[in-house]
Structure formats: structure tokens, C-alpha cells
Amino acid sequence: MKVRFKVWLEKDELSLLSMGKYYLLKEIEKTGSIKKAAENLGLPYKKAHLQLKLLEERLGYKILKRERGKGTVLTEEGKKLLELYGEILKKFQRLAEELEEKFFHSSQGF
């Protein structure tokens, strides 16, 4: 058996950042393009763009900026948000692994 989890950040009970948006932002960071990032993840560009616009509106600040010759890059705030979410994911992953070991792989578990 496996322990699974889903992690998302909320503000005022509104979803801000989920794993899907996290991977979209990581791909934008890698490719420098919303369009290319969306293509790589199998998302329509319009959906990706709207998700990012809504995220910025809910956060109250920009996480992306267009730079001449560089395409789309993360702002410092965007980088911090990505790093924070990544750290949270790592902690949940470690917890899931510990729970699996304790309950499913030890002599006391299933």
C-alpha cells in the first residue's frame, strides 16, 4: 500500500497554488514561456494563462513578468512562492514515506 496526498495553498478559503499550478510555474521557469510550458504539460494555453492570472489576482502581486529577449520569467515573489511550495511538498513526501514504513512495511503493519 501507498500513502498519497494532495497539497494546495489557500488564502481566504480560495485555492491559490496546487500541484498543477506548481508544475506549470516550474515549467515556465525552465522554458521561459507560458505557451511552451502549457504545451509540455498538455494544457491549453488559454487555460494556463487564465489560471496564472487568477493566481496573481488572489495573491495580490505579480509572480511572472515578461522580459525582452528572455520571454516570461518568475518575479522574486514568484520564485519565493515556488520555493515555499516545493519545501512543503518535500515535507509531505517525507511524512508519507514515514507513514508507509510505519504502517505498511514494518513488522507491526499490514
PDB file of N, CA and C in Angstrom:
ATOM      1  N   MET A   1       0.838  -1.190   0.000  1.00  0.00           N
ATOM      2  CA  MET A   1       0.000   0.000   0.000  1.00  0.00           C
ATOM      3  C   MET A   1       0.878   1.247   0.000  1.00  0.00           C
ATOM      4  N   LYS A   2       0.298   2.311  -0.496  1.00  0.00           N
ATOM      5  CA  LYS A   2       0.989   3.597  -0.574  1.00  0.00           C
ATOM      6  C   LYS A   2       0.175   4.667   0.146  1.00  0.00           C
ATOM      7  N   VAL A   3       0.860   5.614   0.727  1.00  0.00           N
ATOM      8  CA  VAL A   3       0.224   6.792   1.305  1.00  0.00           C
ATOM      9  C   VAL A   3       0.324   7.897   0.267  1.00  0.00           C
ATOM     10  N   ARG A   4      -0.797   8.488  -0.102  1.00  0.00           N
ATOM     11  CA  ARG A   4      -0.843   9.566  -1.098  1.00  0.00           C
ATOM     12  C   ARG A   4      -1.391  10.832  -0.445  1.00  0.00           C
ATOM     13  N   PHE A   5      -1.105  11.946  -1.045  1.00  0.00           N
ATOM     14  CA  PHE A   5      -1.570  13.221  -0.510  1.00  0.00           C
ATOM     15  C   PHE A   5      -1.707  14.241  -1.632  1.00  0.00           C
ATOM     16  N   LYS A   6      -2.506  15.256  -1.377  1.00  0.00           N
ATOM     17  CA  LYS A   6      -2.617  16.414  -2.265  1.00  0.00           C
ATOM     18  C   LYS A   6      -2.400  17.643  -1.395  1.00  0.00           C
ATOM     19  N   VAL A   7      -1.635  18.575  -1.913  1.00  0.00           N
ATOM     20  CA  VAL A   7      -1.305  19.779  -1.159  1.00  0.00           C
ATOM     21  C   VAL A   7      -1.682  20.991  -1.990  1.00  0.00           C
ATOM     22  N   TRP A   8      -2.356  21.933  -1.372  1.00  0.00           N
ATOM     23  CA  TRP A   8      -2.621  23.203  -2.036  1.00  0.00           C
ATOM     24  C   TRP A   8      -2.585  24.303  -0.992  1.00  0.00           C
ATOM     25  N   LEU A   9      -2.299  25.500  -1.436  1.00  0.00           N
ATOM     26  CA  LEU A   9      -2.283  26.666  -0.566  1.00  0.00           C
ATOM     27  C   LEU A   9      -3.563  27.449  -0.793  1.00  0.00           C
ATOM     28  N   GLU A  10      -4.121  27.954   0.303  1.00  0.00           N
ATOM     29  CA  GLU A  10      -5.351  28.744   0.238  1.00  0.00           C
ATOM     30  C   GLU A  10      -5.130  30.110   0.869  1.00  0.00           C
ATOM     31  N   LYS A  11      -5.934  31.052   0.432  1.00  0.00           N
ATOM     32  CA  LYS A  11      -5.987  32.376   1.046  1.00  0.00           C
ATOM     33  C   LYS A  11      -7.452  32.763   1.095  1.00  0.00           C
ATOM     34  N   ASP A  12      -7.936  33.069   2.275  1.00  0.00           N
ATOM     35  CA  ASP A  12      -9.348  33.411   2.459  1.00  0.00           C
ATOM     36  C   ASP A  12     -10.251  32.317   1.885  1.00  0.00           C
ATOM     37  N   GLU A  13      -9.858  31.069   2.114  1.00  0.00           N
ATOM     38  CA  GLU A  13     -10.590  29.879   1.677  1.00  0.00           C
ATOM     39  C   GLU A  13     -10.681  29.731   0.157  1.00  0.00           C
ATOM     40  N   LEU A  14      -9.839  30.449  -0.566  1.00  0.00           N
ATOM     41  CA  LEU A  14      -9.761  30.316  -2.019  1.00  0.00           C
ATOM     42  C   LEU A  14      -8.448  29.627  -2.368  1.00  0.00           C
ATOM     43  N   SER A  15      -8.524  28.651  -3.250  1.00  0.00           N
ATOM     44  CA  SER A  15      -7.326  27.930  -3.662  1.00  0.00           C
ATOM     45  C   SER A  15      -6.379  28.863  -4.414  1.00  0.00           C
ATOM     46  N   LEU A  16      -5.121  28.828  -4.009  1.00  0.00           N
ATOM     47  CA  LEU A  16      -4.099  29.620  -4.688  1.00  0.00           C
ATOM     48  C   LEU A  16      -3.221  28.733  -5.549  1.00  0.00           C
ATOM     49  N   LEU A  17      -2.493  27.859  -4.889  1.00  0.00           N
ATOM     50  CA  LEU A  17      -1.480  27.075  -5.581  1.00  0.00           C
ATOM     51  C   LEU A  17      -1.672  25.600  -5.275  1.00  0.00           C
ATOM     52  N   SER A  18      -1.804  24.830  -6.336  1.00  0.00           N
ATOM     53  CA  SER A  18      -1.929  23.379  -6.229  1.00  0.00           C
ATOM     54  C   SER A  18      -0.764  22.760  -6.993  1.00  0.00           C
ATOM     55  N   MET A  19      -0.688  21.452  -6.987  1.00  0.00           N
ATOM     56  CA  MET A  19       0.422  20.787  -7.669  1.00  0.00           C
ATOM     57  C   MET A  19       0.434  21.109  -9.164  1.00  0.00           C
ATOM     58  N   GLY A  20      -0.744  21.203  -9.773  1.00  0.00           N
ATOM     59  CA  GLY A  20      -0.808  21.515 -11.199  1.00  0.00           C
ATOM     60  C   GLY A  20      -0.203  22.870 -11.523  1.00  0.00           C
ATOM     61  N   LYS A  21      -0.563  23.882 -10.750  1.00  0.00           N
ATOM     62  CA  LYS A  21      -0.015  25.224 -10.977  1.00  0.00           C
ATOM     63  C   LYS A  21       1.472  25.266 -10.622  1.00  0.00           C
ATOM     64  N   TYR A  22       1.854  24.507  -9.605  1.00  0.00           N
ATOM     65  CA  TYR A  22       3.273  24.416  -9.237  1.00  0.00           C
ATOM     66  C   TYR A  22       4.088  23.892 -10.413  1.00  0.00           C
ATOM     67  N   TYR A  23       3.622  22.793 -11.019  1.00  0.00           N
ATOM     68  CA  TYR A  23       4.355  22.229 -12.155  1.00  0.00           C
ATOM     69  C   TYR A  23       4.330  23.167 -13.363  1.00  0.00           C
ATOM     70  N   LEU A  24       3.243  23.910 -13.532  1.00  0.00           N
ATOM     71  CA  LEU A  24       3.179  24.899 -14.611  1.00  0.00           C
ATOM     72  C   LEU A  24       4.227  25.994 -14.391  1.00  0.00           C
ATOM     73  N   LEU A  25       4.312  26.501 -13.166  1.00  0.00           N
ATOM     74  CA  LEU A  25       5.308  27.532 -12.864  1.00  0.00           C
ATOM     75  C   LEU A  25       6.734  27.000 -13.008  1.00  0.00           C
ATOM     76  N   LYS A  26       6.976  25.764 -12.585  1.00  0.00           N
ATOM     77  CA  LYS A  26       8.302  25.159 -12.753  1.00  0.00           C
ATOM     78  C   LYS A  26       8.665  25.065 -14.236  1.00  0.00           C
ATOM     79  N   GLU A  27       7.678  24.712 -15.046  1.00  0.00           N
ATOM     80  CA  GLU A  27       7.918  24.577 -16.486  1.00  0.00           C
ATOM     81  C   GLU A  27       8.145  25.945 -17.130  1.00  0.00           C
ATOM     82  N   ILE A  28       7.438  26.968 -16.663  1.00  0.00           N
ATOM     83  CA  ILE A  28       7.670  28.332 -17.157  1.00  0.00           C
ATOM     84  C   ILE A  28       9.083  28.772 -16.785  1.00  0.00           C
ATOM     85  N   GLU A  29       9.487  28.465 -15.573  1.00  0.00           N
ATOM     86  CA  GLU A  29      10.839  28.799 -15.126  1.00  0.00           C
ATOM     87  C   GLU A  29      11.884  28.132 -16.031  1.00  0.00           C
ATOM     88  N   LYS A  30      11.601  26.905 -16.437  1.00  0.00           N
ATOM     89  CA  LYS A  30      12.533  26.139 -17.279  1.00  0.00           C
ATOM     90  C   LYS A  30      12.540  26.627 -18.732  1.00  0.00           C
ATOM     91  N   THR A  31      11.338  26.876 -19.289  1.00  0.00           N
ATOM     92  CA  THR A  31      11.232  27.189 -20.714  1.00  0.00           C
ATOM     93  C   THR A  31      11.232  28.683 -21.020  1.00  0.00           C
ATOM     94  N   GLY A  32      10.843  29.510 -20.043  1.00  0.00           N
ATOM     95  CA  GLY A  32      10.741  30.944 -20.293  1.00  0.00           C
ATOM     96  C   GLY A  32       9.524  31.320 -21.117  1.00  0.00           C
ATOM     97  N   SER A  33       8.521  30.419 -21.144  1.00  0.00           N
ATOM     98  CA  SER A  33       7.348  30.653 -21.982  1.00  0.00           C
ATOM     99  C   SER A  33       6.114  29.988 -21.387  1.00  0.00           C
ATOM    100  N   ILE A  34       5.033  30.761 -21.242  1.00  0.00           N
ATOM    101  CA  ILE A  34       3.771  30.177 -20.781  1.00  0.00           C
ATOM    102  C   ILE A  34       3.258  29.201 -21.829  1.00  0.00           C
ATOM    103  N   LYS A  35       3.326  29.607 -23.096  1.00  0.00           N
ATOM    104  CA  LYS A  35       2.826  28.756 -24.177  1.00  0.00           C
ATOM    105  C   LYS A  35       3.566  27.423 -24.222  1.00  0.00           C
ATOM    106  N   LYS A  36       4.886  27.462 -24.181  1.00  0.00           N
ATOM    107  CA  LYS A  36       5.688  26.236 -24.248  1.00  0.00           C
ATOM    108  C   LYS A  36       5.456  25.375 -23.000  1.00  0.00           C
ATOM    109  N   ALA A  37       5.371  26.017 -21.843  1.00  0.00           N
ATOM    110  CA  ALA A  37       5.126  25.284 -20.599  1.00  0.00           C
ATOM    111  C   ALA A  37       3.782  24.570 -20.660  1.00  0.00           C
ATOM    112  N   ALA A  38       2.763  25.278 -21.131  1.00  0.00           N
ATOM    113  CA  ALA A  38       1.431  24.677 -21.253  1.00  0.00           C
ATOM    114  C   ALA A  38       1.467  23.498 -22.222  1.00  0.00           C
ATOM    115  N   GLU A  39       2.115  23.678 -23.358  1.00  0.00           N
ATOM    116  CA  GLU A  39       2.239  22.588 -24.340  1.00  0.00           C
ATOM    117  C   GLU A  39       2.921  21.371 -23.725  1.00  0.00           C
ATOM    118  N   ASN A  40       4.016  21.599 -23.013  1.00  0.00           N
ATOM    119  CA  ASN A  40       4.766  20.500 -22.406  1.00  0.00           C
ATOM    120  C   ASN A  40       3.939  19.724 -21.385  1.00  0.00           C
ATOM    121  N   LEU A  41       2.983  20.414 -20.749  1.00  0.00           N
ATOM    122  CA  LEU A  41       2.144  19.771 -19.739  1.00  0.00           C
ATOM    123  C   LEU A  41       0.799  19.313 -20.293  1.00  0.00           C
ATOM    124  N   GLY A  42       0.586  19.526 -21.588  1.00  0.00           N
ATOM    125  CA  GLY A  42      -0.664  19.103 -22.209  1.00  0.00           C
ATOM    126  C   GLY A  42      -1.858  19.963 -21.839  1.00  0.00           C
ATOM    127  N   LEU A  43      -1.603  21.237 -21.538  1.00  0.00           N
ATOM    128  CA  LEU A  43      -2.671  22.177 -21.188  1.00  0.00           C
ATOM    129  C   LEU A  43      -2.923  23.138 -22.337  1.00  0.00           C
ATOM    130  N   PRO A  44      -4.173  23.526 -22.541  1.00  0.00           N
ATOM    131  CA  PRO A  44      -4.420  24.607 -23.496  1.00  0.00           C
ATOM    132  C   PRO A  44      -3.808  25.911 -22.964  1.00  0.00           C
ATOM    133  N   TYR A  45      -3.224  26.695 -23.849  1.00  0.00           N
ATOM    134  CA  TYR A  45      -2.591  27.952 -23.444  1.00  0.00           C
ATOM    135  C   TYR A  45      -3.574  28.845 -22.694  1.00  0.00           C
ATOM    136  N   LYS A  46      -4.785  28.963 -23.221  1.00  0.00           N
ATOM    137  CA  LYS A  46      -5.771  29.860 -22.613  1.00  0.00           C
ATOM    138  C   LYS A  46      -6.054  29.470 -21.163  1.00  0.00           C
ATOM    139  N   LYS A  47      -6.189  28.172 -20.910  1.00  0.00           N
ATOM    140  CA  LYS A  47      -6.449  27.702 -19.544  1.00  0.00           C
ATOM    141  C   LYS A  47      -5.272  28.033 -18.630  1.00  0.00           C
ATOM    142  N   ALA A  48      -4.056  27.778 -19.102  1.00  0.00           N
ATOM    143  CA  ALA A  48      -2.861  28.075 -18.307  1.00  0.00           C
ATOM    144  C   ALA A  48      -2.780  29.570 -18.004  1.00  0.00           C
ATOM    145  N   HIS A  49      -2.995  30.386 -19.014  1.00  0.00           N
ATOM    146  CA  HIS A  49      -2.921  31.841 -18.845  1.00  0.00           C
ATOM    147  C   HIS A  49      -3.962  32.323 -17.839  1.00  0.00           C
ATOM    148  N   LEU A  50      -5.187  31.826 -17.944  1.00  0.00           N
ATOM    149  CA  LEU A  50      -6.246  32.234 -17.015  1.00  0.00           C
ATOM    150  C   LEU A  50      -5.946  31.789 -15.589  1.00  0.00           C
ATOM    151  N   GLN A  51      -5.406  30.581 -15.420  1.00  0.00           N
ATOM    152  CA  GLN A  51      -5.048  30.101 -14.081  1.00  0.00           C
ATOM    153  C   GLN A  51      -3.996  31.006 -13.447  1.00  0.00           C
ATOM    154  N   LEU A  52      -3.018  31.396 -14.230  1.00  0.00           N
ATOM    155  CA  LEU A  52      -1.950  32.253 -13.718  1.00  0.00           C
ATOM    156  C   LEU A  52      -2.464  33.653 -13.394  1.00  0.00           C
ATOM    157  N   LYS A  53      -3.333  34.174 -14.239  1.00  0.00           N
ATOM    158  CA  LYS A  53      -3.923  35.497 -13.997  1.00  0.00           C
ATOM    159  C   LYS A  53      -4.739  35.482 -12.705  1.00  0.00           C
ATOM    160  N   LEU A  54      -5.548  34.441 -12.520  1.00  0.00           N
ATOM    161  CA  LEU A  54      -6.358  34.312 -11.310  1.00  0.00           C
ATOM    162  C   LEU A  54      -5.469  34.169 -10.077  1.00  0.00           C
ATOM    163  N   LEU A  55      -4.403  33.401 -10.195  1.00  0.00           N
ATOM    164  CA  LEU A  55      -3.467  33.231  -9.083  1.00  0.00           C
ATOM    165  C   LEU A  55      -2.887  34.579  -8.666  1.00  0.00           C
ATOM    166  N   GLU A  56      -2.441  35.371  -9.629  1.00  0.00           N
ATOM    167  CA  GLU A  56      -1.884  36.690  -9.314  1.00  0.00           C
ATOM    168  C   GLU A  56      -2.937  37.600  -8.683  1.00  0.00           C
ATOM    169  N   GLU A  57      -4.160  37.538  -9.177  1.00  0.00           N
ATOM    170  CA  GLU A  57      -5.231  38.358  -8.599  1.00  0.00           C
ATOM    171  C   GLU A  57      -5.477  37.977  -7.147  1.00  0.00           C
ATOM    172  N   ARG A  58      -5.523  36.684  -6.864  1.00  0.00           N
ATOM    173  CA  ARG A  58      -5.779  36.224  -5.498  1.00  0.00           C
ATOM    174  C   ARG A  58      -4.614  36.524  -4.565  1.00  0.00           C
ATOM    175  N   LEU A  59      -3.401  36.444  -5.086  1.00  0.00           N
ATOM    176  CA  LEU A  59      -2.226  36.760  -4.274  1.00  0.00           C
ATOM    177  C   LEU A  59      -2.116  38.256  -4.011  1.00  0.00           C
ATOM    178  N   GLY A  60      -2.516  39.054  -4.989  1.00  0.00           N
ATOM    179  CA  GLY A  60      -2.393  40.499  -4.864  1.00  0.00           C
ATOM    180  C   GLY A  60      -1.045  41.028  -5.328  1.00  0.00           C
ATOM    181  N   TYR A  61      -0.276  40.193  -6.012  1.00  0.00           N
ATOM    182  CA  TYR A  61       1.004  40.630  -6.569  1.00  0.00           C
ATOM    183  C   TYR A  61       1.375  39.770  -7.774  1.00  0.00           C
ATOM    184  N   LYS A  62       2.307  40.283  -8.563  1.00  0.00           N
ATOM    185  CA  LYS A  62       2.750  39.591  -9.778  1.00  0.00           C
ATOM    186  C   LYS A  62       3.753  38.499  -9.424  1.00  0.00           C
ATOM    187  N   ILE A  63       3.623  37.356 -10.083  1.00  0.00           N
ATOM    188  CA  ILE A  63       4.593  36.280  -9.918  1.00  0.00           C
ATOM    189  C   ILE A  63       5.346  36.018 -11.223  1.00  0.00           C
ATOM    190  N   LEU A  64       4.870  36.644 -12.304  1.00  0.00           N
ATOM    191  CA  LEU A  64       5.504  36.497 -13.617  1.00  0.00           C
ATOM    192  C   LEU A  64       5.720  37.867 -14.240  1.00  0.00           C
ATOM    193  N   LYS A  65       6.779  37.971 -15.042  1.00  0.00           N
ATOM    194  CA  LYS A  65       6.985  39.201 -15.815  1.00  0.00           C
ATOM    195  C   LYS A  65       7.592  38.825 -17.156  1.00  0.00           C
ATOM    196  N   ARG A  66       7.271  39.635 -18.153  1.00  0.00           N
ATOM    197  CA  ARG A  66       7.824  39.423 -19.496  1.00  0.00           C
ATOM    198  C   ARG A  66       9.076  40.282 -19.617  1.00  0.00           C
ATOM    199  N   GLU A  67      10.145  39.654 -20.076  1.00  0.00           N
ATOM    200  CA  GLU A  67      11.392  40.382 -20.284  1.00  0.00           C
ATOM    201  C   GLU A  67      11.807  40.250 -21.734  1.00  0.00           C
ATOM    202  N   ARG A  68      12.113  41.386 -22.314  1.00  0.00           N
ATOM    203  CA  ARG A  68      12.532  41.414 -23.710  1.00  0.00           C
ATOM    204  C   ARG A  68      13.734  40.494 -23.924  1.00  0.00           C
ATOM    205  N   GLY A  69      13.578  39.589 -24.862  1.00  0.00           N
ATOM    206  CA  GLY A  69      14.665  38.676 -25.186  1.00  0.00           C
ATOM    207  C   GLY A  69      14.772  37.461 -24.279  1.00  0.00           C
ATOM    208  N   LYS A  70      14.033  37.468 -23.167  1.00  0.00           N
ATOM    209  CA  LYS A  70      14.088  36.344 -22.228  1.00  0.00           C
ATOM    210  C   LYS A  70      12.753  35.636 -22.094  1.00  0.00           C
ATOM    211  N   GLY A  71      11.702  36.215 -22.635  1.00  0.00           N
ATOM    212  CA  GLY A  71      10.379  35.613 -22.506  1.00  0.00           C
ATOM    213  C   GLY A  71       9.769  35.899 -21.146  1.00  0.00           C
ATOM    214  N   THR A  72       9.082  34.924 -20.597  1.00  0.00           N
ATOM    215  CA  THR A  72       8.410  35.078 -19.311  1.00  0.00           C
ATOM    216  C   THR A  72       9.288  34.499 -18.210  1.00  0.00           C
ATOM    217  N   VAL A  73       9.499  35.291 -17.168  1.00  0.00           N
ATOM    218  CA  VAL A  73      10.309  34.848 -16.035  1.00  0.00           C
ATOM    219  C   VAL A  73       9.526  35.045 -14.743  1.00  0.00           C
ATOM    220  N   LEU A  74       9.916  34.315 -13.715  1.00  0.00           N
ATOM    221  CA  LEU A  74       9.295  34.484 -12.414  1.00  0.00           C
ATOM    222  C   LEU A  74       9.862  35.722 -11.731  1.00  0.00           C
ATOM    223  N   THR A  75       8.993  36.468 -11.060  1.00  0.00           N
ATOM    224  CA  THR A  75       9.448  37.578 -10.232  1.00  0.00           C
ATOM    225  C   THR A  75      10.097  36.983  -8.982  1.00  0.00           C
ATOM    226  N   GLU A  76      10.708  37.817  -8.183  1.00  0.00           N
ATOM    227  CA  GLU A  76      11.288  37.328  -6.918  1.00  0.00           C
ATOM    228  C   GLU A  76      10.200  36.708  -6.046  1.00  0.00           C
ATOM    229  N   GLU A  77       9.018  37.343  -6.026  1.00  0.00           N
ATOM    230  CA  GLU A  77       7.900  36.801  -5.253  1.00  0.00           C
ATOM    231  C   GLU A  77       7.474  35.443  -5.802  1.00  0.00           C
ATOM    232  N   GLY A  78       7.474  35.319  -7.127  1.00  0.00           N
ATOM    233  CA  GLY A  78       7.125  34.048  -7.761  1.00  0.00           C
ATOM    234  C   GLY A  78       8.114  32.954  -7.409  1.00  0.00           C
ATOM    235  N   LYS A  79       9.399  33.303  -7.401  1.00  0.00           N
ATOM    236  CA  LYS A  79      10.437  32.337  -7.030  1.00  0.00           C
ATOM    237  C   LYS A  79      10.274  31.893  -5.581  1.00  0.00           C
ATOM    238  N   LYS A  80       9.974  32.855  -4.694  1.00  0.00           N
ATOM    239  CA  LYS A  80       9.780  32.524  -3.276  1.00  0.00           C
ATOM    240  C   LYS A  80       8.578  31.606  -3.091  1.00  0.00           C
ATOM    241  N   LEU A  81       7.490  31.889  -3.807  1.00  0.00           N
ATOM    242  CA  LEU A  81       6.293  31.059  -3.720  1.00  0.00           C
ATOM    243  C   LEU A  81       6.587  29.639  -4.191  1.00  0.00           C
ATOM    244  N   LEU A  82       7.297  29.516  -5.288  1.00  0.00           N
ATOM    245  CA  LEU A  82       7.672  28.210  -5.828  1.00  0.00           C
ATOM    246  C   LEU A  82       8.551  27.449  -4.836  1.00  0.00           C
ATOM    247  N   GLU A  83       9.503  28.138  -4.249  1.00  0.00           N
ATOM    248  CA  GLU A  83      10.398  27.513  -3.271  1.00  0.00           C
ATOM    249  C   GLU A  83       9.619  27.057  -2.032  1.00  0.00           C
ATOM    250  N   LEU A  84       8.728  27.905  -1.544  1.00  0.00           N
ATOM    251  CA  LEU A  84       7.909  27.568  -0.377  1.00  0.00           C
ATOM    252  C   LEU A  84       7.072  26.326  -0.641  1.00  0.00           C
ATOM    253  N   TYR A  85       6.384  26.312  -1.767  1.00  0.00           N
ATOM    254  CA  TYR A  85       5.533  25.170  -2.095  1.00  0.00           C
ATOM    255  C   TYR A  85       6.379  23.906  -2.270  1.00  0.00           C
ATOM    256  N   GLY A  86       7.535  24.039  -2.884  1.00  0.00           N
ATOM    257  CA  GLY A  86       8.435  22.898  -3.052  1.00  0.00           C
ATOM    258  C   GLY A  86       8.875  22.320  -1.717  1.00  0.00           C
ATOM    259  N   GLU A  87       9.190  23.187  -0.760  1.00  0.00           N
ATOM    260  CA  GLU A  87       9.575  22.725   0.582  1.00  0.00           C
ATOM    261  C   GLU A  87       8.417  22.018   1.274  1.00  0.00           C
ATOM    262  N   ILE A  88       7.220  22.567   1.128  1.00  0.00           N
ATOM    263  CA  ILE A  88       6.038  21.931   1.720  1.00  0.00           C
ATOM    264  C   ILE A  88       5.835  20.547   1.112  1.00  0.00           C
ATOM    265  N   LEU A  89       5.971  20.431  -0.202  1.00  0.00           N
ATOM    266  CA  LEU A  89       5.838  19.129  -0.869  1.00  0.00           C
ATOM    267  C   LEU A  89       6.853  18.121  -0.345  1.00  0.00           C
ATOM    268  N   LYS A  90       8.104  18.560  -0.170  1.00  0.00           N
ATOM    269  CA  LYS A  90       9.145  17.664   0.340  1.00  0.00           C
ATOM    270  C   LYS A  90       8.796  17.151   1.729  1.00  0.00           C
ATOM    271  N   LYS A  91       8.284  18.039   2.577  1.00  0.00           N
ATOM    272  CA  LYS A  91       7.921  17.631   3.937  1.00  0.00           C
ATOM    273  C   LYS A  91       6.763  16.634   3.920  1.00  0.00           C
ATOM    274  N   PHE A  92       5.784  16.865   3.078  1.00  0.00           N
ATOM    275  CA  PHE A  92       4.676  15.915   2.964  1.00  0.00           C
ATOM    276  C   PHE A  92       5.167  14.573   2.422  1.00  0.00           C
ATOM    277  N   GLN A  93       6.086  14.606   1.462  1.00  0.00           N
ATOM    278  CA  GLN A  93       6.625  13.365   0.901  1.00  0.00           C
ATOM    279  C   GLN A  93       7.361  12.563   1.971  1.00  0.00           C
ATOM    280  N   ARG A  94       8.169  13.252   2.778  1.00  0.00           N
ATOM    281  CA  ARG A  94       8.878  12.559   3.863  1.00  0.00           C
ATOM    282  C   ARG A  94       7.892  11.962   4.850  1.00  0.00           C
ATOM    283  N   LEU A  95       6.848  12.721   5.188  1.00  0.00           N
ATOM    284  CA  LEU A  95       5.829  12.211   6.102  1.00  0.00           C
ATOM    285  C   LEU A  95       5.138  10.992   5.513  1.00  0.00           C
ATOM    286  N   ALA A  96       4.791  11.036   4.242  1.00  0.00           N
ATOM    287  CA  ALA A  96       4.144   9.897   3.584  1.00  0.00           C
ATOM    288  C   ALA A  96       5.049   8.669   3.626  1.00  0.00           C
ATOM    289  N   GLU A  97       6.337   8.863   3.376  1.00  0.00           N
ATOM    290  CA  GLU A  97       7.287   7.747   3.423  1.00  0.00           C
ATOM    291  C   GLU A  97       7.391   7.169   4.826  1.00  0.00           C
ATOM    292  N   GLU A  98       7.420   8.044   5.842  1.00  0.00           N
ATOM    293  CA  GLU A  98       7.469   7.578   7.232  1.00  0.00           C
ATOM    294  C   GLU A  98       6.215   6.785   7.586  1.00  0.00           C
ATOM    295  N   LEU A  99       5.058   7.270   7.162  1.00  0.00           N
ATOM    296  CA  LEU A  99       3.806   6.568   7.452  1.00  0.00           C
ATOM    297  C   LEU A  99       3.748   5.219   6.751  1.00  0.00           C
ATOM    298  N   GLU A 100       4.197   5.175   5.508  1.00  0.00           N
ATOM    299  CA  GLU A 100       4.247   3.898   4.783  1.00  0.00           C
ATOM    300  C   GLU A 100       5.131   2.904   5.518  1.00  0.00           C
ATOM    301  N   GLU A 101       6.293   3.364   5.914  1.00  0.00           N
ATOM    302  CA  GLU A 101       7.231   2.481   6.616  1.00  0.00           C
ATOM    303  C   GLU A 101       6.619   1.985   7.923  1.00  0.00           C
ATOM    304  N   LYS A 102       6.031   2.881   8.671  1.00  0.00           N
ATOM    305  CA  LYS A 102       5.466   2.519   9.975  1.00  0.00           C
ATOM    306  C   LYS A 102       4.283   1.572   9.845  1.00  0.00           C
ATOM    307  N   PHE A 103       3.375   1.849   8.939  1.00  0.00           N
ATOM    308  CA  PHE A 103       2.128   1.100   8.898  1.00  0.00           C
ATOM    309  C   PHE A 103       2.085  -0.033   7.882  1.00  0.00           C
ATOM    310  N   PHE A 104       2.917   0.013   6.857  1.00  0.00           N
ATOM    311  CA  PHE A 104       2.796  -0.994   5.803  1.00  0.00           C
ATOM    312  C   PHE A 104       4.056  -1.822   5.571  1.00  0.00           C
ATOM    313  N   HIS A 105       5.201  -1.366   6.060  1.00  0.00           N
ATOM    314  CA  HIS A 105       6.433  -2.101   5.790  1.00  0.00           C
ATOM    315  C   HIS A 105       7.115  -2.621   7.050  1.00  0.00           C
ATOM    316  N   SER A 106       6.592  -2.262   8.201  1.00  0.00           N
ATOM    317  CA  SER A 106       7.203  -2.744   9.440  1.00  0.00           C
ATOM    318  C   SER A 106       6.537  -4.044   9.870  1.00  0.00           C
ATOM    319  N   SER A 107       7.104  -4.677  10.868  1.00  0.00           N
ATOM    320  CA  SER A 107       6.529  -5.929  11.374  1.00  0.00           C
ATOM    321  C   SER A 107       5.193  -5.686  12.063  1.00  0.00           C
ATOM    322  N   GLN A 108       4.917  -4.434  12.429  1.00  0.00           N
ATOM    323  CA  GLN A 108       3.662  -4.106  13.100  1.00  0.00           C
ATOM    324  C   GLN A 108       2.541  -3.778  12.120  1.00  0.00           C
ATOM    325  N   GLY A 109       2.880  -3.533  10.870  1.00  0.00           N
ATOM    326  CA  GLY A 109       1.878  -3.097   9.890  1.00  0.00           C
ATOM    327  C   GLY A 109       1.238  -4.244   9.142  1.00  0.00           C
ATOM    328  N   PHE A 110       0.600  -3.928   8.035  1.00  0.00           N
ATOM    329  CA  PHE A 110      -0.095  -4.911   7.202  1.00  0.00           C
ATOM    330  C   PHE A 110       0.869  -5.877   6.568  1.00  0.00           C
TER     331      PHE A 110
END
